[in-house]
Amino acid sequence: MLSRPLLVAHEIYRLSRYGRTHPLSIPRVSTVLDLCRALGWLPDDQYVESPRATAEQLARFHDPAYVAALMAAERDQDLPEADRQRFNIGVNNNPIYPEVFRRPATACGGSMRAADLVRDGGIVHHPPGGTHHGRRAQASGFCYLNDPVLGLLRLLDLGVAPILYVDLDAHHGDGVQDAFHDDERVFTVSIHEHDRWPRTGAVDDRAGGAARNLPVPRGFNDSELDYLIETAVIPLAERLQPAALMIQCGCDGLADDPQSRLMLSNRGYWRAVSLLKGLAPRVIVLGGGGYNPWSVARCWSGVWATLNGLPIPERLPAAAESMLRGLWWTHRRGRNPPEEWFTTLADTPNTGDVREEVRDVARRVLA
């Protein structure tokens, strides 16, 4: 059993970009590593370098023909039009870029390594993971491979079950839910913005009994997230008594993120992780969405602090502040970023009323 949490990542993410204008053109994983190190939170003995999954390992879930096409796309930086359409690679905001196979294969290797590390108990944070839209034979929603599915399958192969998967991303975790449709060994719970792409995950969608979905309204706040965790997710977990928990911690629900209309603070995410992490003896916390480089770095670094029980400083030390001031973002919000994005880790809490439609979602998923 792990004596303390481990963080799994890789340097491939430091220079890899989807393209100059793509929402994932920003630095993300590297900023978390740099910020945690600047804060003195990531000693070498808590860092694990992610392996890259092999084609054979990826075939545990993905179609071998699809994996071969993804490898060819990286090698040739192109695909025949028929393969582009068949596999959704190079179209629909899933661009062909220099690391189009190596980067997602490394994320998959990281999530499988995380499963190995928690086999006997413990906590692993894998910020590069969380590509929850990936399909068996298609790229989808910026996700070329589905590392959560492969990590969950590795846990099952190790004899760990049942497993609870909780998805906090602003977008429905459709790829993971569909991969385990009707599979009673993996129970998926997704809290996501109502009527946002991929426009799945209705409250009455239970995937044959293996899922619960909690679509939430625009303006969703910290109090409402806290309410759903305490009154819906925890009771569901208590029914399941999971042997392992995987949390997809996509932070595009933050008020500072351009890809949703939710209004969470990073403190809301940290409290959710704090409440959830004690629900199982094995815990894997992934990344996911997040399209503002400052909010991603601050949120996921705070997740790591939460997993380790580390105090959040009121003001960042000089090295951490300097690192954040060195980030860039071509989005209009990046032209004049507020000072608190450089000097603090914690957002101002966004608490408020718990609306009746949020209470109704909680009632319906427990019915």
Protein backbone atom coordinates (compact mmCIF):
# COMPACT_ATOMS: atom_id res chain seq x y z
CA MET A 1 0.00 0.00 0.00
CA LEU A 2 1.28 3.46 -0.89
CA SER A 3 2.48 5.39 2.13
CA ARG A 4 1.65 8.75 0.54
CA PRO A 5 0.14 10.04 -2.73
CA LEU A 6 2.10 9.80 -5.98
CA LEU A 7 1.86 12.05 -9.04
CA VAL A 8 2.21 10.51 -12.51
CA ALA A 9 3.11 12.72 -15.48
CA HIS A 10 5.59 13.14 -18.33
CA GLU A 11 7.58 15.88 -20.06
CA ILE A 12 5.94 15.16 -23.44
CA TYR A 13 3.19 17.61 -22.52
CA ARG A 14 5.56 20.55 -22.06
CA LEU A 15 5.96 21.36 -25.76
CA SER A 16 3.14 19.35 -27.35
CA ARG A 17 0.31 21.49 -28.77
CA TYR A 18 -2.82 20.64 -30.74
CA GLY A 19 -2.27 23.71 -32.94
CA ARG A 20 -1.96 27.46 -32.55
CA THR A 21 -5.68 28.24 -32.40
CA HIS A 22 -6.98 25.05 -30.76
CA PRO A 23 -8.42 25.33 -27.22
CA LEU A 24 -5.74 22.85 -26.13
CA SER A 25 -2.91 24.96 -27.51
CA ILE A 26 -2.20 26.10 -23.93
CA PRO A 27 0.36 24.62 -21.51
CA ARG A 28 -1.36 22.54 -18.81
CA VAL A 29 0.40 19.54 -17.27
CA SER A 30 3.81 21.21 -17.30
CA THR A 31 2.39 24.20 -15.42
CA VAL A 32 1.06 21.93 -12.67
CA LEU A 33 4.45 20.28 -12.27
CA ASP A 34 6.27 23.60 -12.28
CA LEU A 35 3.88 25.23 -9.82
CA CYS A 36 3.93 22.28 -7.41
CA ARG A 37 7.72 22.21 -7.52
CA ALA A 38 7.92 25.97 -6.97
CA LEU A 39 5.76 25.47 -3.89
CA GLY A 40 7.94 22.63 -2.62
CA TRP A 41 5.09 20.16 -2.95
CA LEU A 42 6.56 17.64 -5.39
CA PRO A 43 9.70 15.89 -4.15
CA ASP A 44 11.32 13.41 -6.50
CA ASP A 45 10.12 10.42 -4.49
CA GLN A 46 6.48 11.36 -5.09
CA TYR A 47 6.87 11.76 -8.85
CA VAL A 48 6.45 8.84 -11.28
CA GLU A 49 7.21 9.21 -14.98
CA SER A 50 4.40 7.88 -17.14
CA PRO A 51 5.16 5.04 -19.55
CA ARG A 52 3.71 5.10 -23.05
CA ALA A 53 1.06 2.47 -23.72
CA THR A 54 1.86 0.05 -26.51
CA ALA A 55 -0.44 -0.73 -29.40
CA GLU A 56 -1.15 -4.09 -27.79
CA GLN A 57 -2.10 -2.47 -24.49
CA LEU A 58 -4.34 0.05 -26.23
CA ALA A 59 -6.14 -2.83 -27.97
CA ARG A 60 -7.51 -3.84 -24.56
CA PHE A 61 -10.21 -1.28 -25.42
CA HIS A 62 -9.45 0.35 -28.78
CA ASP A 63 -9.89 -1.16 -32.25
CA PRO A 64 -6.42 -2.17 -33.54
CA ALA A 65 -7.24 -0.64 -36.93
CA TYR A 66 -7.95 2.67 -35.22
CA VAL A 67 -4.72 2.52 -33.23
CA ALA A 68 -2.82 1.79 -36.46
CA ALA A 69 -4.46 4.80 -38.14
CA LEU A 70 -3.49 7.04 -35.22
CA MET A 71 0.12 5.84 -35.47
CA ALA A 72 0.08 6.45 -39.23
CA ALA A 73 -1.31 9.94 -38.71
CA GLU A 74 1.65 10.78 -36.47
CA ARG A 75 4.19 9.20 -38.81
CA ASP A 76 2.89 10.86 -41.99
CA GLN A 77 1.24 13.93 -40.46
CA ASP A 78 -1.66 13.09 -42.72
CA LEU A 79 -4.31 10.45 -43.38
CA PRO A 80 -6.28 9.51 -46.48
CA GLU A 81 -9.65 11.24 -46.49
CA ALA A 82 -11.52 7.95 -46.06
CA ASP A 83 -9.59 7.23 -42.85
CA ARG A 84 -10.10 10.79 -41.61
CA GLN A 85 -13.83 10.36 -41.88
CA ARG A 86 -13.89 6.78 -40.59
CA PHE A 87 -11.77 7.49 -37.51
CA ASN A 88 -12.60 11.19 -36.98
CA ILE A 89 -8.89 12.07 -37.02
CA GLY A 90 -7.91 15.37 -38.61
CA VAL A 91 -11.51 16.58 -38.65
CA ASN A 92 -14.04 17.99 -36.19
CA ASN A 93 -11.48 19.72 -33.95
CA ASN A 94 -9.39 16.55 -33.56
CA PRO A 95 -6.32 17.76 -35.48
CA ILE A 96 -3.32 15.82 -36.69
CA TYR A 97 -0.33 17.26 -34.83
CA PRO A 98 3.25 16.02 -34.24
CA GLU A 99 2.53 13.90 -31.14
CA VAL A 100 -0.98 12.79 -32.13
CA PHE A 101 -0.25 9.17 -31.14
CA ARG A 102 2.52 9.50 -28.54
CA ARG A 103 0.75 12.08 -26.39
CA PRO A 104 -2.56 10.21 -25.86
CA ALA A 105 -0.72 6.88 -25.65
CA THR A 106 1.37 8.36 -22.82
CA ALA A 107 -1.80 9.46 -21.04
CA CYS A 108 -3.14 5.92 -21.34
CA GLY A 109 0.11 4.49 -20.06
CA GLY A 110 -0.12 6.86 -17.11
CA SER A 111 -3.63 5.83 -16.14
CA MET A 112 -2.74 2.15 -16.39
CA ARG A 113 0.38 2.78 -14.31
CA ALA A 114 -1.79 4.57 -11.74
CA ALA A 115 -3.98 1.46 -11.53
CA ASP A 116 -0.91 -0.69 -10.90
CA LEU A 117 0.33 1.69 -8.22
CA VAL A 118 -2.93 1.62 -6.22
CA ARG A 119 -3.43 -2.14 -6.54
CA ASP A 120 -2.89 -2.63 -2.81
CA GLY A 121 -4.26 0.76 -1.76
CA GLY A 122 -3.31 4.42 -1.88
CA ILE A 123 -3.79 7.60 -3.91
CA VAL A 124 -2.38 8.58 -7.31
CA HIS A 125 -2.87 11.90 -9.10
CA HIS A 126 -2.53 11.72 -12.90
CA PRO A 127 -3.23 15.24 -14.29
CA PRO A 128 -2.58 14.28 -17.96
CA GLY A 129 -5.42 11.74 -17.80
CA GLY A 130 -9.15 12.27 -18.16
CA THR A 131 -9.68 11.97 -21.93
CA HIS A 132 -13.20 10.72 -21.31
CA HIS A 133 -14.75 11.23 -24.78
CA GLY A 134 -12.49 8.81 -26.68
CA ARG A 135 -14.32 6.03 -28.52
CA ARG A 136 -13.22 2.51 -29.30
CA ALA A 137 -12.61 3.38 -32.96
CA GLN A 138 -12.91 7.15 -33.18
CA ALA A 139 -11.47 10.35 -31.78
CA SER A 140 -14.07 12.56 -30.12
CA GLY A 141 -14.05 15.88 -28.31
CA PHE A 142 -10.25 16.42 -28.44
CA CYS A 143 -9.81 12.86 -27.05
CA TYR A 144 -8.02 10.38 -29.31
CA LEU A 145 -7.75 7.52 -26.80
CA ASN A 146 -9.70 6.88 -23.61
CA ASP A 147 -7.25 6.65 -20.74
CA PRO A 148 -9.92 6.46 -17.99
CA VAL A 149 -11.41 3.35 -19.62
CA LEU A 150 -8.01 1.72 -19.93
CA GLY A 151 -7.18 2.57 -16.31
CA LEU A 152 -10.48 1.13 -15.14
CA LEU A 153 -9.96 -2.02 -17.20
CA ARG A 154 -6.51 -2.43 -15.66
CA LEU A 155 -8.05 -2.25 -12.18
CA LEU A 156 -10.59 -4.90 -13.18
CA ASP A 157 -7.81 -7.08 -14.60
CA LEU A 158 -6.06 -6.78 -11.22
CA GLY A 159 -9.20 -8.13 -9.54
CA VAL A 160 -10.32 -4.77 -8.14
CA ALA A 161 -14.11 -4.34 -8.17
CA PRO A 162 -16.57 -2.75 -7.84
CA ILE A 163 -15.27 0.61 -9.01
CA LEU A 164 -16.89 4.03 -8.74
CA TYR A 165 -16.05 6.54 -11.48
CA VAL A 166 -17.00 10.17 -10.71
CA ASP A 167 -16.73 12.72 -13.53
CA LEU A 168 -16.61 16.41 -12.54
CA ASP A 169 -15.88 17.78 -16.02
CA ALA A 170 -18.28 20.37 -17.45
CA HIS A 171 -18.92 17.90 -20.31
CA HIS A 172 -20.65 14.55 -19.87
CA GLY A 173 -18.28 11.59 -19.55
CA ASP A 174 -19.94 9.81 -22.44
CA GLY A 175 -17.05 7.64 -23.58
CA VAL A 176 -16.53 6.10 -20.16
CA GLN A 177 -20.22 5.56 -19.52
CA ASP A 178 -20.74 3.86 -22.87
CA ALA A 179 -17.68 1.65 -22.44
CA PHE A 180 -19.16 0.16 -19.27
CA HIS A 181 -22.83 0.17 -20.28
CA ASP A 182 -24.53 -2.68 -18.41
CA ASP A 183 -21.28 -3.61 -16.62
CA GLU A 184 -22.14 -3.82 -12.93
CA ARG A 185 -18.45 -3.81 -11.95
CA VAL A 186 -18.02 -0.13 -12.90
CA PHE A 187 -20.56 2.46 -11.78
CA THR A 188 -20.23 5.88 -13.47
CA VAL A 189 -21.49 9.19 -12.07
CA SER A 190 -21.22 12.37 -14.12
CA ILE A 191 -21.92 15.94 -12.98
CA HIS A 192 -21.95 18.12 -16.09
CA GLU A 193 -23.57 21.19 -17.65
CA HIS A 194 -27.03 20.56 -19.07
CA ASP A 195 -27.29 20.85 -22.86
CA ARG A 196 -23.56 21.28 -23.45
CA TRP A 197 -21.70 19.16 -26.01
CA PRO A 198 -21.93 16.16 -26.42
CA ARG A 199 -25.52 16.77 -25.21
CA THR A 200 -25.79 13.34 -23.62
CA GLY A 201 -26.13 12.34 -19.99
CA ALA A 202 -29.75 13.16 -19.27
CA VAL A 203 -30.86 12.62 -15.69
CA ASP A 204 -32.91 9.58 -16.69
CA ASP A 205 -29.99 7.97 -18.60
CA ARG A 206 -28.79 5.14 -16.36
CA ALA A 207 -26.86 3.04 -18.92
CA GLY A 208 -28.68 -0.14 -18.03
CA GLY A 209 -28.32 0.62 -14.33
CA ALA A 210 -24.54 1.19 -14.40
CA ALA A 211 -24.65 4.99 -14.35
CA ARG A 212 -26.20 8.07 -12.83
CA ASN A 213 -26.13 11.47 -14.52
CA LEU A 214 -26.50 14.84 -12.85
CA PRO A 215 -26.92 17.56 -15.51
CA VAL A 216 -26.73 21.00 -13.87
CA PRO A 217 -27.84 24.47 -14.99
CA ARG A 218 -25.73 27.41 -16.05
CA GLY A 219 -24.31 29.36 -13.16
CA PHE A 220 -23.75 26.19 -11.10
CA ASN A 221 -21.95 27.32 -7.94
CA ASP A 222 -19.77 25.88 -5.16
CA SER A 223 -22.72 25.41 -2.79
CA GLU A 224 -24.60 23.43 -5.43
CA LEU A 225 -21.61 21.18 -6.17
CA ASP A 226 -21.17 20.57 -2.46
CA TYR A 227 -24.87 19.74 -2.18
CA LEU A 228 -24.76 17.17 -5.00
CA ILE A 229 -21.63 15.50 -3.64
CA GLU A 230 -23.06 15.22 -0.13
CA THR A 231 -26.68 14.38 -0.93
CA ALA A 232 -26.31 12.30 -4.10
CA VAL A 233 -22.79 11.06 -4.88
CA ILE A 234 -21.81 9.99 -1.36
CA PRO A 235 -25.09 8.09 -0.78
CA LEU A 236 -24.59 6.32 -4.13
CA ALA A 237 -21.05 5.41 -3.08
CA GLU A 238 -22.28 4.11 0.27
CA ARG A 239 -24.66 1.79 -1.59
CA LEU A 240 -21.87 0.55 -3.87
CA GLN A 241 -19.06 0.23 -1.30
CA PRO A 242 -16.40 0.61 -4.03
CA ALA A 243 -13.03 -1.11 -3.86
CA ALA A 244 -11.60 1.73 -5.95
CA LEU A 245 -12.55 5.28 -6.92
CA MET A 246 -11.54 7.15 -10.05
CA ILE A 247 -12.26 10.89 -10.17
CA GLN A 248 -12.12 12.73 -13.49
CA CYS A 249 -11.35 16.26 -12.34
CA GLY A 250 -11.78 18.28 -15.51
CA CYS A 251 -11.75 21.90 -14.37
CA ASP A 252 -13.60 23.51 -17.28
CA GLY A 253 -16.48 24.16 -14.89
CA LEU A 254 -14.47 26.99 -13.33
CA ALA A 255 -15.90 30.49 -13.67
CA ASP A 256 -12.64 31.53 -15.41
CA ASP A 257 -12.88 28.83 -18.10
CA PRO A 258 -14.20 29.75 -21.58
CA GLN A 259 -15.65 26.34 -22.44
CA SER A 260 -18.66 26.26 -20.11
CA ARG A 261 -21.15 28.51 -18.36
CA LEU A 262 -20.63 27.04 -14.91
CA MET A 263 -19.41 29.27 -12.09
CA LEU A 264 -17.32 27.08 -9.80
CA SER A 265 -14.24 28.24 -7.92
CA ASN A 266 -11.24 25.99 -7.54
CA ARG A 267 -12.11 25.75 -3.84
CA GLY A 268 -15.30 23.99 -4.91
CA TYR A 269 -13.29 21.36 -6.80
CA TRP A 270 -10.90 20.91 -3.88
CA ARG A 271 -13.74 20.36 -1.44
CA ALA A 272 -15.34 17.83 -3.80
CA VAL A 273 -12.07 15.89 -4.01
CA SER A 274 -11.67 16.12 -0.24
CA LEU A 275 -15.15 14.69 0.34
CA LEU A 276 -14.76 11.93 -2.25
CA LYS A 277 -11.24 10.66 -1.62
CA GLY A 278 -12.18 8.75 1.53
CA LEU A 279 -14.86 6.68 -0.19
CA ALA A 280 -12.52 3.86 -1.30
CA PRO A 281 -9.15 2.43 -0.29
CA ARG A 282 -7.79 2.98 -3.82
CA VAL A 283 -8.11 6.41 -5.42
CA ILE A 284 -7.00 7.71 -8.83
CA VAL A 285 -7.56 11.40 -9.61
CA LEU A 286 -7.28 12.38 -13.28
CA GLY A 287 -7.30 15.71 -15.06
CA GLY A 288 -9.64 16.37 -17.98
CA GLY A 289 -10.96 19.57 -19.51
CA GLY A 290 -9.55 22.97 -18.65
CA TYR A 291 -8.82 25.71 -21.17
CA ASN A 292 -7.40 28.62 -19.18
CA PRO A 293 -3.70 27.99 -18.40
CA TRP A 294 -3.74 29.91 -15.12
CA SER A 295 -6.91 28.32 -13.76
CA VAL A 296 -5.77 24.81 -14.75
CA ALA A 297 -2.39 25.23 -13.05
CA ARG A 298 -3.91 26.66 -9.89
CA CYS A 299 -6.81 24.17 -9.69
CA TRP A 300 -4.88 20.94 -10.27
CA SER A 301 -1.99 22.05 -8.05
CA GLY A 302 -4.58 22.60 -5.33
CA VAL A 303 -5.99 19.13 -6.01
CA TRP A 304 -2.51 17.73 -5.35
CA ALA A 305 -2.33 19.77 -2.12
CA THR A 306 -5.75 18.42 -1.11
CA LEU A 307 -4.67 14.82 -1.66
CA ASN A 308 -1.58 15.44 0.48
CA GLY A 309 -3.24 17.49 3.22
CA LEU A 310 -1.02 20.48 2.44
CA PRO A 311 -2.02 24.02 3.49
CA ILE A 312 -2.88 26.52 0.75
CA PRO A 313 -0.79 29.71 1.05
CA GLU A 314 -2.64 33.02 1.14
CA ARG A 315 -0.09 34.48 -1.29
CA LEU A 316 2.18 32.52 -3.57
CA PRO A 317 5.94 32.64 -3.02
CA ALA A 318 8.05 34.54 -5.52
CA ALA A 319 9.10 31.47 -7.54
CA ALA A 320 5.48 30.35 -8.02
CA GLU A 321 4.33 33.86 -8.92
CA SER A 322 7.14 34.22 -11.45
CA MET A 323 6.18 30.91 -13.05
CA LEU A 324 2.54 32.00 -13.44
CA ARG A 325 3.51 35.39 -14.84
CA GLY A 326 5.45 33.59 -17.54
CA LEU A 327 2.36 31.85 -18.98
CA TRP A 328 0.63 32.97 -22.15
CA TRP A 329 -2.87 32.66 -23.58
CA THR A 330 -4.09 33.99 -26.91
CA HIS A 331 -7.73 34.05 -25.76
CA ARG A 332 -9.19 37.50 -25.13
CA ARG A 333 -9.26 36.75 -21.39
CA GLY A 334 -5.51 36.30 -21.54
CA ARG A 335 -4.83 39.82 -22.79
CA ASN A 336 -5.32 41.46 -19.41
CA PRO A 337 -5.40 38.72 -16.75
CA PRO A 338 -6.35 39.74 -13.21
CA GLU A 339 -3.58 40.00 -10.64
CA GLU A 340 -4.97 37.17 -8.50
CA TRP A 341 -4.19 34.67 -11.27
CA PHE A 342 -0.50 35.37 -10.55
CA THR A 343 -0.39 35.86 -6.81
CA THR A 344 -2.84 33.38 -5.27
CA LEU A 345 -3.68 29.72 -5.59
CA ALA A 346 -7.23 29.77 -4.19
CA ASP A 347 -10.12 31.53 -5.92
CA THR A 348 -12.68 33.56 -4.02
CA PRO A 349 -15.43 31.05 -3.13
CA ASN A 350 -18.55 31.26 -5.27
CA THR A 351 -21.22 30.16 -2.83
CA GLY A 352 -24.94 30.82 -3.20
CA ASP A 353 -28.39 29.34 -3.12
CA VAL A 354 -28.98 25.73 -4.08
CA ARG A 355 -31.61 26.01 -6.77
CA GLU A 356 -34.62 23.74 -6.91
CA GLU A 357 -33.57 22.24 -10.24
CA VAL A 358 -30.31 21.09 -8.62
CA ARG A 359 -32.20 19.60 -5.68
CA ASP A 360 -34.49 17.83 -8.14
CA VAL A 361 -31.52 16.22 -9.92
CA ALA A 362 -30.30 14.82 -6.60
CA ARG A 363 -33.73 13.39 -5.79
CA ARG A 364 -34.10 11.78 -9.19
CA VAL A 365 -30.72 10.02 -9.28
CA LEU A 366 -31.36 8.49 -5.88
CA ALA A 367 -34.87 7.31 -6.69
